PDB file of N, CA and C in Angstrom:
ATOM      1  N   MET A   1      -0.658   8.575  13.491  1.00  0.00           N
ATOM      2  CA  MET A   1      -0.836   9.287  14.728  1.00  0.00           C
ATOM      3  C   MET A   1      -0.687  10.785  14.501  1.00  0.00           C
ATOM      4  N   ALA A   2       0.350  11.158  13.760  1.00  0.00           N
ATOM      5  CA  ALA A   2       0.589  12.582  13.538  1.00  0.00           C
ATOM      6  C   ALA A   2      -0.621  13.234  12.877  1.00  0.00           C
ATOM      7  N   LYS A   3      -1.244  12.528  11.941  1.00  0.00           N
ATOM      8  CA  LYS A   3      -2.419  13.070  11.260  1.00  0.00           C
ATOM      9  C   LYS A   3      -3.565  13.269  12.255  1.00  0.00           C
ATOM     10  N   LEU A   4      -3.773  12.298  13.139  1.00  0.00           N
ATOM     11  CA  LEU A   4      -4.839  12.413  14.140  1.00  0.00           C
ATOM     12  C   LEU A   4      -4.567  13.544  15.116  1.00  0.00           C
ATOM     13  N   VAL A   5      -3.311  13.670  15.546  1.00  0.00           N
ATOM     14  CA  VAL A   5      -2.950  14.748  16.467  1.00  0.00           C
ATOM     15  C   VAL A   5      -3.177  16.089  15.778  1.00  0.00           C
ATOM     16  N   GLY A   6      -2.744  16.192  14.510  1.00  0.00           N
ATOM     17  CA  GLY A   6      -2.903  17.433  13.763  1.00  0.00           C
ATOM     18  C   GLY A   6      -4.351  17.827  13.563  1.00  0.00           C
ATOM     19  N   GLU A   7      -5.221  16.848  13.491  1.00  0.00           N
ATOM     20  CA  GLU A   7      -6.648  17.118  13.310  1.00  0.00           C
ATOM     21  C   GLU A   7      -7.370  17.320  14.645  1.00  0.00           C
ATOM     22  N   GLY A   8      -6.621  17.280  15.744  1.00  0.00           N
ATOM     23  CA  GLY A   8      -7.221  17.524  17.050  1.00  0.00           C
ATOM     24  C   GLY A   8      -8.042  16.368  17.594  1.00  0.00           C
ATOM     25  N   TYR A   9      -7.840  15.174  17.055  1.00  0.00           N
ATOM     26  CA  TYR A   9      -8.631  14.017  17.484  1.00  0.00           C
ATOM     27  C   TYR A   9      -8.528  13.770  18.984  1.00  0.00           C
ATOM     28  N   PHE A  10      -7.323  13.821  19.514  1.00  0.00           N
ATOM     29  CA  PHE A  10      -7.137  13.491  20.924  1.00  0.00           C
ATOM     30  C   PHE A  10      -7.663  14.592  21.833  1.00  0.00           C
ATOM     31  N   GLU A  11      -7.660  15.825  21.364  1.00  0.00           N
ATOM     32  CA  GLU A  11      -8.245  16.907  22.147  1.00  0.00           C
ATOM     33  C   GLU A  11      -9.746  16.702  22.273  1.00  0.00           C
ATOM     34  N   ARG A  12     -10.385  16.311  21.178  1.00  0.00           N
ATOM     35  CA  ARG A  12     -11.833  16.058  21.214  1.00  0.00           C
ATOM     36  C   ARG A  12     -12.147  14.893  22.142  1.00  0.00           C
ATOM     37  N   GLU A  13     -11.313  13.863  22.126  1.00  0.00           N
ATOM     38  CA  GLU A  13     -11.536  12.706  22.992  1.00  0.00           C
ATOM     39  C   GLU A  13     -11.385  13.107  24.458  1.00  0.00           C
ATOM     40  N   ALA A  14     -10.429  13.982  24.749  1.00  0.00           N
ATOM     41  CA  ALA A  14     -10.243  14.430  26.131  1.00  0.00           C
ATOM     42  C   ALA A  14     -11.475  15.198  26.588  1.00  0.00           C
ATOM     43  N   GLU A  15     -12.017  16.025  25.693  1.00  0.00           N
ATOM     44  CA  GLU A  15     -13.227  16.774  26.038  1.00  0.00           C
ATOM     45  C   GLU A  15     -14.413  15.833  26.244  1.00  0.00           C
ATOM     46  N   ALA A  16     -14.403  14.698  25.562  1.00  0.00           N
ATOM     47  CA  ALA A  16     -15.507  13.746  25.669  1.00  0.00           C
ATOM     48  C   ALA A  16     -15.369  12.837  26.886  1.00  0.00           C
ATOM     49  N   GLY A  17     -14.296  13.004  27.634  1.00  0.00           N
ATOM     50  CA  GLY A  17     -14.143  12.237  28.859  1.00  0.00           C
ATOM     51  C   GLY A  17     -13.159  11.083  28.766  1.00  0.00           C
ATOM     52  N   MET A  18     -12.276  11.082  27.767  1.00  0.00           N
ATOM     53  CA  MET A  18     -11.262  10.026  27.678  1.00  0.00           C
ATOM     54  C   MET A  18     -10.323  10.161  28.881  1.00  0.00           C
ATOM     55  N   PRO A  19     -10.103   9.088  29.638  1.00  0.00           N
ATOM     56  CA  PRO A  19      -9.220   9.160  30.806  1.00  0.00           C
ATOM     57  C   PRO A  19      -7.798   9.535  30.413  1.00  0.00           C
ATOM     58  N   ASP A  20      -7.121  10.263  31.300  1.00  0.00           N
ATOM     59  CA  ASP A  20      -5.736  10.671  31.040  1.00  0.00           C
ATOM     60  C   ASP A  20      -4.801   9.481  30.890  1.00  0.00           C
ATOM     61  N   ASP A  21      -5.125   8.364  31.534  1.00  0.00           N
ATOM     62  CA  ASP A  21      -4.237   7.197  31.468  1.00  0.00           C
ATOM     63  C   ASP A  21      -4.684   6.196  30.394  1.00  0.00           C
ATOM     64  N   ALA A  22      -5.538   6.620  29.490  1.00  0.00           N
ATOM     65  CA  ALA A  22      -6.018   5.728  28.416  1.00  0.00           C
ATOM     66  C   ALA A  22      -4.870   5.348  27.495  1.00  0.00           C
ATOM     67  N   SER A  23      -4.941   4.147  26.964  1.00  0.00           N
ATOM     68  CA  SER A  23      -3.935   3.666  26.006  1.00  0.00           C
ATOM     69  C   SER A  23      -4.450   3.846  24.586  1.00  0.00           C
ATOM     70  N   VAL A  24      -3.529   4.131  23.692  1.00  0.00           N
ATOM     71  CA  VAL A  24      -3.859   4.230  22.274  1.00  0.00           C
ATOM     72  C   VAL A  24      -3.106   3.115  21.568  1.00  0.00           C
ATOM     73  N   VAL A  25      -3.825   2.326  20.780  1.00  0.00           N
ATOM     74  CA  VAL A  25      -3.206   1.214  20.056  1.00  0.00           C
ATOM     75  C   VAL A  25      -3.246   1.526  18.567  1.00  0.00           C
ATOM     76  N   CYS A  26      -2.107   1.397  17.919  1.00  0.00           N
ATOM     77  CA  CYS A  26      -2.022   1.634  16.476  1.00  0.00           C
ATOM     78  C   CYS A  26      -1.626   0.337  15.787  1.00  0.00           C
ATOM     79  N   ILE A  27      -2.297   0.031  14.709  1.00  0.00           N
ATOM     80  CA  ILE A  27      -1.942  -1.132  13.901  1.00  0.00           C
ATOM     81  C   ILE A  27      -1.348  -0.604  12.599  1.00  0.00           C
ATOM     82  N   LEU A  28      -0.092  -0.907  12.373  1.00  0.00           N
ATOM     83  CA  LEU A  28       0.614  -0.416  11.194  1.00  0.00           C
ATOM     84  C   LEU A  28       0.869  -1.567  10.238  1.00  0.00           C
ATOM     85  N   THR A  29       0.472  -1.402   9.011  1.00  0.00           N
ATOM     86  CA  THR A  29       0.655  -2.471   8.045  1.00  0.00           C
ATOM     87  C   THR A  29       1.851  -2.231   7.135  1.00  0.00           C
ATOM     88  N   GLY A  30       2.275  -0.998   7.020  1.00  0.00           N
ATOM     89  CA  GLY A  30       3.461  -0.714   6.233  1.00  0.00           C
ATOM     90  C   GLY A  30       3.235  -0.489   4.756  1.00  0.00           C
ATOM     91  N   HIS A  31       2.021  -0.655   4.254  1.00  0.00           N
ATOM     92  CA  HIS A  31       1.840  -0.469   2.812  1.00  0.00           C
ATOM     93  C   HIS A  31       1.287   0.899   2.451  1.00  0.00           C
ATOM     94  N   GLY A  32       0.844   1.674   3.394  1.00  0.00           N
ATOM     95  CA  GLY A  32       0.418   3.033   3.130  1.00  0.00           C
ATOM     96  C   GLY A  32      -0.933   3.188   2.470  1.00  0.00           C
ATOM     97  N   LEU A  33      -1.653   2.120   2.247  1.00  0.00           N
ATOM     98  CA  LEU A  33      -2.916   2.214   1.529  1.00  0.00           C
ATOM     99  C   LEU A  33      -4.063   2.749   2.380  1.00  0.00           C
ATOM    100  N   LYS A  34      -3.852   2.841   3.686  1.00  0.00           N
ATOM    101  CA  LYS A  34      -4.900   3.401   4.526  1.00  0.00           C
ATOM    102  C   LYS A  34      -4.989   4.915   4.353  1.00  0.00           C
ATOM    103  N   ASP A  35      -3.961   5.507   3.787  1.00  0.00           N
ATOM    104  CA  ASP A  35      -3.941   6.944   3.518  1.00  0.00           C
ATOM    105  C   ASP A  35      -3.963   7.123   2.003  1.00  0.00           C
ATOM    106  N   PRO A  36      -5.137   7.323   1.409  1.00  0.00           N
ATOM    107  CA  PRO A  36      -5.243   7.400  -0.049  1.00  0.00           C
ATOM    108  C   PRO A  36      -4.346   8.468  -0.669  1.00  0.00           C
ATOM    109  N   ASP A  37      -4.167   9.608   0.026  1.00  0.00           N
ATOM    110  CA  ASP A  37      -3.302  10.652  -0.531  1.00  0.00           C
ATOM    111  C   ASP A  37      -1.874  10.152  -0.680  1.00  0.00           C
ATOM    112  N   ARG A  38      -1.397   9.418   0.309  1.00  0.00           N
ATOM    113  CA  ARG A  38      -0.031   8.863   0.241  1.00  0.00           C
ATOM    114  C   ARG A  38       0.061   7.807  -0.851  1.00  0.00           C
ATOM    115  N   ALA A  39      -0.938   6.952  -0.935  1.00  0.00           N
ATOM    116  CA  ALA A  39      -0.929   5.908  -1.959  1.00  0.00           C
ATOM    117  C   ALA A  39      -0.874   6.518  -3.357  1.00  0.00           C
ATOM    118  N   ILE A  40      -1.657   7.562  -3.580  1.00  0.00           N
ATOM    119  CA  ILE A  40      -1.662   8.212  -4.891  1.00  0.00           C
ATOM    120  C   ILE A  40      -0.333   8.913  -5.153  1.00  0.00           C
ATOM    121  N   ALA A  41       0.210   9.569  -4.141  1.00  0.00           N
ATOM    122  CA  ALA A  41       1.459  10.308  -4.305  1.00  0.00           C
ATOM    123  C   ALA A  41       2.647   9.394  -4.595  1.00  0.00           C
ATOM    124  N   THR A  42       2.625   8.166  -4.077  1.00  0.00           N
ATOM    125  CA  THR A  42       3.773   7.275  -4.253  1.00  0.00           C
ATOM    126  C   THR A  42       3.597   6.282  -5.394  1.00  0.00           C
ATOM    127  N   ALA A  43       2.405   6.239  -5.975  1.00  0.00           N
ATOM    128  CA  ALA A  43       2.152   5.280  -7.056  1.00  0.00           C
ATOM    129  C   ALA A  43       2.811   5.742  -8.352  1.00  0.00           C
ATOM    130  N   GLU A  44       3.265   4.780  -9.112  1.00  0.00           N
ATOM    131  CA  GLU A  44       3.825   5.080 -10.427  1.00  0.00           C
ATOM    132  C   GLU A  44       2.686   5.283 -11.418  1.00  0.00           C
ATOM    133  N   GLU A  45       2.963   6.010 -12.468  1.00  0.00           N
ATOM    134  CA  GLU A  45       1.975   6.201 -13.524  1.00  0.00           C
ATOM    135  C   GLU A  45       1.713   4.842 -14.175  1.00  0.00           C
ATOM    136  N   PRO A  46       0.457   4.443 -14.307  1.00  0.00           N
ATOM    137  CA  PRO A  46       0.173   3.125 -14.892  1.00  0.00           C
ATOM    138  C   PRO A  46       0.485   3.088 -16.389  1.00  0.00           C
ATOM    139  N   ALA A  47       0.851   1.912 -16.851  1.00  0.00           N
ATOM    140  CA  ALA A  47       1.098   1.721 -18.280  1.00  0.00           C
ATOM    141  C   ALA A  47      -0.238   1.710 -19.009  1.00  0.00           C
ATOM    142  N   VAL A  48      -0.264   2.346 -20.164  1.00  0.00           N
ATOM    143  CA  VAL A  48      -1.457   2.335 -20.999  1.00  0.00           C
ATOM    144  C   VAL A  48      -1.202   1.313 -22.105  1.00  0.00           C
ATOM    145  N   VAL A  49      -2.076   0.314 -22.178  1.00  0.00           N
ATOM    146  CA  VAL A  49      -1.877  -0.799 -23.106  1.00  0.00           C
ATOM    147  C   VAL A  49      -3.144  -1.011 -23.923  1.00  0.00           C
ATOM    148  N   GLU A  50      -2.955  -1.293 -25.193  1.00  0.00           N
ATOM    149  CA  GLU A  50      -4.094  -1.626 -26.038  1.00  0.00           C
ATOM    150  C   GLU A  50      -4.755  -2.885 -25.484  1.00  0.00           C
ATOM    151  N   PRO A  51      -6.070  -3.005 -25.578  1.00  0.00           N
ATOM    152  CA  PRO A  51      -6.768  -4.177 -25.035  1.00  0.00           C
ATOM    153  C   PRO A  51      -6.606  -5.417 -25.917  1.00  0.00           C
ATOM    154  N   GLU A  52      -5.368  -5.832 -26.075  1.00  0.00           N
ATOM    155  CA  GLU A  52      -5.043  -7.028 -26.858  1.00  0.00           C
ATOM    156  C   GLU A  52      -4.139  -7.914 -26.013  1.00  0.00           C
ATOM    157  N   THR A  53      -4.453  -9.178 -25.947  1.00  0.00           N
ATOM    158  CA  THR A  53      -3.714 -10.114 -25.097  1.00  0.00           C
ATOM    159  C   THR A  53      -2.211 -10.042 -25.335  1.00  0.00           C
ATOM    160  N   GLU A  54      -1.796 -10.058 -26.571  1.00  0.00           N
ATOM    161  CA  GLU A  54      -0.363 -10.047 -26.881  1.00  0.00           C
ATOM    162  C   GLU A  54       0.336  -8.816 -26.311  1.00  0.00           C
ATOM    163  N   LYS A  55      -0.296  -7.669 -26.412  1.00  0.00           N
ATOM    164  CA  LYS A  55       0.317  -6.432 -25.915  1.00  0.00           C
ATOM    165  C   LYS A  55       0.366  -6.416 -24.383  1.00  0.00           C
ATOM    166  N   VAL A  56      -0.686  -6.913 -23.740  1.00  0.00           N
ATOM    167  CA  VAL A  56      -0.698  -6.977 -22.279  1.00  0.00           C
ATOM    168  C   VAL A  56       0.385  -7.930 -21.788  1.00  0.00           C
ATOM    169  N   VAL A  57       0.492  -9.088 -22.407  1.00  0.00           N
ATOM    170  CA  VAL A  57       1.521 -10.070 -22.038  1.00  0.00           C
ATOM    171  C   VAL A  57       2.910  -9.456 -22.184  1.00  0.00           C
ATOM    172  N   GLU A  58       3.125  -8.709 -23.246  1.00  0.00           N
ATOM    173  CA  GLU A  58       4.428  -8.089 -23.494  1.00  0.00           C
ATOM    174  C   GLU A  58       4.761  -7.053 -22.418  1.00  0.00           C
ATOM    175  N   VAL A  59       3.816  -6.182 -22.098  1.00  0.00           N
ATOM    176  CA  VAL A  59       4.051  -5.136 -21.095  1.00  0.00           C
ATOM    177  C   VAL A  59       4.310  -5.746 -19.719  1.00  0.00           C
ATOM    178  N   LEU A  60       3.612  -6.818 -19.394  1.00  0.00           N
ATOM    179  CA  LEU A  60       3.795  -7.474 -18.097  1.00  0.00           C
ATOM    180  C   LEU A  60       5.045  -8.345 -18.047  1.00  0.00           C
ATOM    181  N   GLY A  61       5.708  -8.517 -19.190  1.00  0.00           N
ATOM    182  CA  GLY A  61       6.919  -9.338 -19.212  1.00  0.00           C
ATOM    183  C   GLY A  61       6.640 -10.812 -19.013  1.00  0.00           C
ATOM    184  N   LEU A  62       5.506 -11.272 -19.524  1.00  0.00           N
ATOM    185  CA  LEU A  62       5.102 -12.662 -19.299  1.00  0.00           C
ATOM    186  C   LEU A  62       5.197 -13.527 -20.553  1.00  0.00           C
ATOM    187  N   ARG A  63       5.867 -13.063 -21.574  1.00  0.00           N
ATOM    188  CA  ARG A  63       5.955 -13.815 -22.823  1.00  0.00           C
ATOM    189  C   ARG A  63       6.457 -15.236 -22.594  1.00  0.00           C
ATOM    190  N   GLU A  64       7.545 -15.374 -21.827  1.00  0.00           N
ATOM    191  CA  GLU A  64       8.120 -16.713 -21.584  1.00  0.00           C
ATOM    192  C   GLU A  64       7.158 -17.598 -20.805  1.00  0.00           C
ATOM    193  N   VAL A  65       6.437 -17.039 -19.862  1.00  0.00           N
ATOM    194  CA  VAL A  65       5.484 -17.820 -19.073  1.00  0.00           C
ATOM    195  C   VAL A  65       4.359 -18.320 -19.969  1.00  0.00           C
ATOM    196  N   VAL A  66       3.833 -17.454 -20.809  1.00  0.00           N
ATOM    197  CA  VAL A  66       2.740 -17.824 -21.704  1.00  0.00           C
ATOM    198  C   VAL A  66       3.199 -18.897 -22.684  1.00  0.00           C
ATOM    199  N   GLU A  67       4.399 -18.749 -23.194  1.00  0.00           N
ATOM    200  CA  GLU A  67       4.929 -19.743 -24.144  1.00  0.00           C
ATOM    201  C   GLU A  67       5.173 -21.076 -23.456  1.00  0.00           C
ATOM    202  N   ALA A  68       5.602 -21.054 -22.197  1.00  0.00           N
ATOM    203  CA  ALA A  68       5.862 -22.296 -21.458  1.00  0.00           C
ATOM    204  C   ALA A  68       4.557 -23.052 -21.171  1.00  0.00           C
ATOM    205  N   VAL A  69       3.487 -22.331 -20.964  1.00  0.00           N
ATOM    206  CA  VAL A  69       2.209 -22.952 -20.642  1.00  0.00           C
ATOM    207  C   VAL A  69       1.504 -23.446 -21.895  1.00  0.00           C
ATOM    208  N   ALA A  70       1.742 -22.788 -23.019  1.00  0.00           N
ATOM    209  CA  ALA A  70       1.040 -23.119 -24.270  1.00  0.00           C
ATOM    210  C   ALA A  70       1.460 -24.433 -24.858  1.00  0.00           C
TER     211      ALA A  70
END
């Protein structure tokens, strides 16, 4: 909402004839991915891994899972 208010969205809607008693509904998911700038700012630096199964399994901490399935 703050971003929309800051960008003047509601002022433009009022000029376009939005009624004063109109309701605004916001759907919040909590993961922040709808705002790419926030998602990028809060994301951790990704791990760089050689394209080898053993190294990927090790970085992901899945050695025991792979051994249990094998």
